[in-house]
């Protein structure tokens, strides 16, 4: 969905003494800056290249072509964002950083466990560990790019590791259909089968931090009438 002009920020570059500006979605622009492909209609608020976007003064096609060797707005937008400056307000940068921290904390909480207790750390504890370790979360980088380095830093503060597990699950016929649909969204189904009596069995691989969430979902659906066994653990 295209971004509105009101929510856009300026991305700017100077080439050959000429200033060129475009109006962009701040978060999508930072994703482009970090190397991610973003659809053009999600990236820019207007297909115009400006000399001064605040005044609405467009750069002439000749100037644009001379500076970039093309008038293709897709190519120009990426060059301006990657090689120029994306102007974020302090409030925007703070808000984006807070959202990035939440995403990283959620990923660590879901994928990691406390090896002393074999259960996940609550998100609040991970937030405190990030603060205590004085880790800087970069709002311009994708959360996935930062998780491993942040994990190493907070391991100095709390015992935590990423672990994958495989669990074997069996549920009775009356809950088979619903459980099979739910389990497909909890991890990677390595095997699944419906037995002659209609019961459902599967082998599910997932981050260890999701273990108790899976148990809760199974118990809610089957009212506790299920069989679950961990068959493999693997550090990642």
Foldseek 3Di string as FASTA:
>chain_A
DADAQVQWFWQWDAFPNAIKIFTFRLLVLLQLLQPDDDDPRNTGNDLFIASDVVVPHGDDPVVVCVRQVDSPSVSVSSCSSNVTDTDDDPVRQVVLQVVLLVVLLVVQQQFKPQVVVLEGDPSVVLVVLCVVLVPRDGSSHHSVVCNVVSVVSSCVVGRMFGKKWKKKKKAAQVLAVVLVVVLVVAAPWPDWDQDPRNIIITIGMHRSNCVVVNVVVVCVRRVPRMDMDTDDMGTD
